[in-house]
């Protein structure tokens, strides 16, 4: 009569993947769960959850995620479906596509920015273009 929806192993644990300070990864990361990065990533990152780049963390590459908090350094192209939250010590360089953007005073934001409510519909090669008639 009532069907119980089974939760995945990561949902049951309620844990977040974590790369600790002092760790450097060269390559791409794909994760279905939330992720906290306090180390360094040189490569692309994709998750269906939330990405947190801690104060000692840095990413050089492309990011695709649902939500993102950045307190460290980021350089590349980032696509955030919902909310991109830049903390006061964040340093961002590159291209940003997001649903909503929150920037704390003190954040260094050197990027082009496109805010759209349906970022998930954007194609990876979409660029900011002007229409001329």
C-alpha atoms as a PDB file:
ATOM      1  CA  UNK A   1       0.000   0.000   0.000  1.00  0.00           C
ATOM      2  CA  UNK A   2       2.711   2.489   0.974  1.00  0.00           C
ATOM      3  CA  UNK A   3       5.969   2.332  -0.881  1.00  0.00           C
ATOM      4  CA  UNK A   4       9.115   3.431   0.881  1.00  0.00           C
ATOM      5  CA  UNK A   5      11.656   5.178  -1.255  1.00  0.00           C
ATOM      6  CA  UNK A   6      15.063   3.718  -0.504  1.00  0.00           C
ATOM      7  CA  UNK A   7      17.837   6.192   0.146  1.00  0.00           C
ATOM      8  CA  UNK A   8      21.281   5.825  -1.298  1.00  0.00           C
ATOM      9  CA  UNK A   9      24.258   4.982   0.891  1.00  0.00           C
ATOM     10  CA  UNK A  10      25.526   8.595   0.880  1.00  0.00           C
ATOM     11  CA  UNK A  11      22.073   9.951   1.797  1.00  0.00           C
ATOM     12  CA  UNK A  12      21.925   7.584   4.771  1.00  0.00           C
ATOM     13  CA  UNK A  13      25.323   8.690   6.023  1.00  0.00           C
ATOM     14  CA  UNK A  14      24.623  12.385   5.473  1.00  0.00           C
ATOM     15  CA  UNK A  15      28.340  12.936   4.925  1.00  0.00           C
ATOM     16  CA  UNK A  16      30.231  15.188   2.573  1.00  0.00           C
ATOM     17  CA  UNK A  17      33.228  14.231   0.442  1.00  0.00           C
ATOM     18  CA  UNK A  18      36.316  16.118   1.530  1.00  0.00           C
ATOM     19  CA  UNK A  19      39.762  16.933   0.180  1.00  0.00           C
ATOM     20  CA  UNK A  20      41.901  18.251   3.038  1.00  0.00           C
ATOM     21  CA  UNK A  21      44.382  21.125   3.094  1.00  0.00           C
ATOM     22  CA  UNK A  22      47.776  20.265   1.617  1.00  0.00           C
ATOM     23  CA  UNK A  23      46.350  17.813  -0.946  1.00  0.00           C
ATOM     24  CA  UNK A  24      46.738  18.567  -4.664  1.00  0.00           C
ATOM     25  CA  UNK A  25      44.725  16.726  -7.318  1.00  0.00           C
ATOM     26  CA  UNK A  26      45.468  16.908 -11.048  1.00  0.00           C
ATOM     27  CA  UNK A  27      42.441  15.526 -12.910  1.00  0.00           C
ATOM     28  CA  UNK A  28      38.656  15.659 -13.016  1.00  0.00           C
ATOM     29  CA  UNK A  29      36.240  14.935 -10.169  1.00  0.00           C
ATOM     30  CA  UNK A  30      32.624  13.801 -10.641  1.00  0.00           C
ATOM     31  CA  UNK A  31      30.557  13.328  -7.492  1.00  0.00           C
ATOM     32  CA  UNK A  32      26.816  12.781  -6.918  1.00  0.00           C
ATOM     33  CA  UNK A  33      27.109  14.093  -3.322  1.00  0.00           C
ATOM     34  CA  UNK A  34      28.157  17.353  -1.642  1.00  0.00           C
ATOM     35  CA  UNK A  35      31.869  18.119  -1.636  1.00  0.00           C
ATOM     36  CA  UNK A  36      34.238  20.255   0.447  1.00  0.00           C
ATOM     37  CA  UNK A  37      37.595  21.189  -1.020  1.00  0.00           C
ATOM     38  CA  UNK A  38      40.299  22.624   1.246  1.00  0.00           C
ATOM     39  CA  UNK A  39      43.141  21.403  -0.987  1.00  0.00           C
ATOM     40  CA  UNK A  40      43.981  22.255  -4.585  1.00  0.00           C
ATOM     41  CA  UNK A  41      42.299  20.940  -7.731  1.00  0.00           C
ATOM     42  CA  UNK A  42      43.755  21.430 -11.202  1.00  0.00           C
ATOM     43  CA  UNK A  43      41.020  20.041 -13.418  1.00  0.00           C
ATOM     44  CA  UNK A  44      37.261  20.034 -13.841  1.00  0.00           C
ATOM     45  CA  UNK A  45      34.683  19.363 -11.136  1.00  0.00           C
ATOM     46  CA  UNK A  46      31.045  18.267 -11.441  1.00  0.00           C
ATOM     47  CA  UNK A  47      28.467  17.454  -8.746  1.00  0.00           C
ATOM     48  CA  UNK A  48      24.695  17.319  -8.433  1.00  0.00           C
ATOM     49  CA  UNK A  49      25.049  18.704  -4.918  1.00  0.00           C
ATOM     50  CA  UNK A  50      26.879  21.568  -3.229  1.00  0.00           C
ATOM     51  CA  UNK A  51      30.554  22.445  -3.571  1.00  0.00           C
ATOM     52  CA  UNK A  52      32.374  24.339  -0.832  1.00  0.00           C
ATOM     53  CA  UNK A  53      35.845  25.703  -1.563  1.00  0.00           C
ATOM     54  CA  UNK A  54      37.382  26.463   1.835  1.00  0.00           C
ATOM     55  CA  UNK A  55      39.713  29.370   2.684  1.00  0.00           C
ATOM     56  CA  UNK A  56      42.841  27.325   1.882  1.00  0.00           C
ATOM     57  CA  UNK A  57      41.257  25.679  -1.196  1.00  0.00           C
ATOM     58  CA  UNK A  58      41.710  26.514  -4.845  1.00  0.00           C
ATOM     59  CA  UNK A  59      40.356  25.261  -8.164  1.00  0.00           C
ATOM     60  CA  UNK A  60      41.744  25.901 -11.632  1.00  0.00           C
ATOM     61  CA  UNK A  61      39.308  24.445 -14.163  1.00  0.00           C
ATOM     62  CA  UNK A  62      35.592  24.266 -14.940  1.00  0.00           C
ATOM     63  CA  UNK A  63      32.903  23.647 -12.309  1.00  0.00           C
ATOM     64  CA  UNK A  64      29.312  22.491 -12.752  1.00  0.00           C
ATOM     65  CA  UNK A  65      27.204  22.185  -9.579  1.00  0.00           C
ATOM     66  CA  UNK A  66      23.856  22.933  -7.941  1.00  0.00           C
ATOM     67  CA  UNK A  67      25.096  25.308  -5.189  1.00  0.00           C
ATOM     68  CA  UNK A  68      28.548  26.660  -4.415  1.00  0.00           C
ATOM     69  CA  UNK A  69      30.230  28.525  -1.548  1.00  0.00           C
ATOM     70  CA  UNK A  70      33.680  29.921  -2.341  1.00  0.00           C
ATOM     71  CA  UNK A  71      36.011  31.221   0.346  1.00  0.00           C
ATOM     72  CA  UNK A  72      39.289  30.367  -1.415  1.00  0.00           C
ATOM     73  CA  UNK A  73      40.530  30.896  -4.977  1.00  0.00           C
ATOM     74  CA  UNK A  74      38.878  29.924  -8.245  1.00  0.00           C
ATOM     75  CA  UNK A  75      39.925  30.406 -11.860  1.00  0.00           C
ATOM     76  CA  UNK A  76      37.899  29.080 -14.796  1.00  0.00           C
ATOM     77  CA  UNK A  77      34.305  28.747 -15.950  1.00  0.00           C
ATOM     78  CA  UNK A  78      31.659  27.961 -13.329  1.00  0.00           C
ATOM     79  CA  UNK A  79      28.011  26.997 -13.843  1.00  0.00           C
ATOM     80  CA  UNK A  80      25.833  26.986 -10.722  1.00  0.00           C
ATOM     81  CA  UNK A  81      22.187  25.962 -11.094  1.00  0.00           C
ATOM     82  CA  UNK A  82      20.965  27.734  -7.968  1.00  0.00           C
ATOM     83  CA  UNK A  83      23.084  29.913  -5.601  1.00  0.00           C
ATOM     84  CA  UNK A  84      26.727  30.973  -5.897  1.00  0.00           C
ATOM     85  CA  UNK A  85      27.884  32.446  -2.575  1.00  0.00           C
ATOM     86  CA  UNK A  86      31.216  34.316  -2.541  1.00  0.00           C
ATOM     87  CA  UNK A  87      32.699  34.869   0.917  1.00  0.00           C
ATOM     88  CA  UNK A  88      34.780  37.928   1.880  1.00  0.00           C
ATOM     89  CA  UNK A  89      38.164  36.271   1.161  1.00  0.00           C
ATOM     90  CA  UNK A  90      37.127  34.689  -2.169  1.00  0.00           C
ATOM     91  CA  UNK A  91      39.180  35.415  -5.302  1.00  0.00           C
ATOM     92  CA  UNK A  92      37.321  34.632  -8.548  1.00  0.00           C
ATOM     93  CA  UNK A  93      38.681  34.937 -12.104  1.00  0.00           C
ATOM     94  CA  UNK A  94      36.952  33.736 -15.268  1.00  0.00           C
ATOM     95  CA  UNK A  95      33.347  33.205 -16.357  1.00  0.00           C
ATOM     96  CA  UNK A  96      30.343  32.783 -14.058  1.00  0.00           C
ATOM     97  CA  UNK A  97      26.869  31.476 -14.930  1.00  0.00           C
ATOM     98  CA  UNK A  98      24.463  31.153 -12.023  1.00  0.00           C
ATOM     99  CA  UNK A  99      20.845  31.348 -10.946  1.00  0.00           C
ATOM    100  CA  UNK A 100      21.539  33.674  -7.995  1.00  0.00           C
ATOM    101  CA  UNK A 101      24.712  35.414  -6.828  1.00  0.00           C
ATOM    102  CA  UNK A 102      25.622  36.557  -3.299  1.00  0.00           C
ATOM    103  CA  UNK A 103      28.889  38.467  -2.828  1.00  0.00           C
ATOM    104  CA  UNK A 104      30.198  39.486   0.590  1.00  0.00           C
ATOM    105  CA  UNK A 105      32.150  42.764   0.842  1.00  0.00           C
ATOM    106  CA  UNK A 106      35.855  42.129   0.336  1.00  0.00           C
ATOM    107  CA  UNK A 107      35.511  39.376  -2.279  1.00  0.00           C
ATOM    108  CA  UNK A 108      37.674  39.835  -5.374  1.00  0.00           C
ATOM    109  CA  UNK A 109      35.426  39.219  -8.394  1.00  0.00           C
ATOM    110  CA  UNK A 110      37.166  39.561 -11.771  1.00  0.00           C
ATOM    111  CA  UNK A 111      34.788  37.686 -14.050  1.00  0.00           C
ATOM    112  CA  UNK A 112      32.045  37.950 -16.612  1.00  0.00           C
ATOM    113  CA  UNK A 113      28.727  37.029 -15.046  1.00  0.00           C
ATOM    114  CA  UNK A 114      25.437  35.786 -16.491  1.00  0.00           C
ATOM    115  CA  UNK A 115      22.528  35.260 -14.103  1.00  0.00           C
ATOM    116  CA  UNK A 116      19.665  33.168 -15.410  1.00  0.00           C
ATOM    117  CA  UNK A 117      16.949  31.353 -13.480  1.00  0.00           C
ATOM    118  CA  UNK A 118      17.428  28.198 -15.580  1.00  0.00           C
ATOM    119  CA  UNK A 119      21.199  27.804 -15.792  1.00  0.00           C
ATOM    120  CA  UNK A 120      20.795  24.042 -16.132  1.00  0.00           C
ATOM    121  CA  UNK A 121      19.410  24.618 -19.638  1.00  0.00           C
ATOM    122  CA  UNK A 122      22.583  26.346 -20.803  1.00  0.00           C
ATOM    123  CA  UNK A 123      24.912  24.487 -23.105  1.00  0.00           C
ATOM    124  CA  UNK A 124      28.582  24.211 -22.076  1.00  0.00           C
ATOM    125  CA  UNK A 125      29.694  26.349 -25.031  1.00  0.00           C
ATOM    126  CA  UNK A 126      27.135  29.153 -24.488  1.00  0.00           C
ATOM    127  CA  UNK A 127      28.772  32.554 -24.488  1.00  0.00           C
ATOM    128  CA  UNK A 128      27.566  36.022 -23.672  1.00  0.00           C
ATOM    129  CA  UNK A 129      26.530  37.536 -26.999  1.00  0.00           C
ATOM    130  CA  UNK A 130      24.822  40.751 -27.975  1.00  0.00           C
ATOM    131  CA  UNK A 131      21.896  40.780 -30.364  1.00  0.00           C
ATOM    132  CA  UNK A 132      22.079  43.260 -33.197  1.00  0.00           C
ATOM    133  CA  UNK A 133      19.114  44.099 -35.373  1.00  0.00           C
END
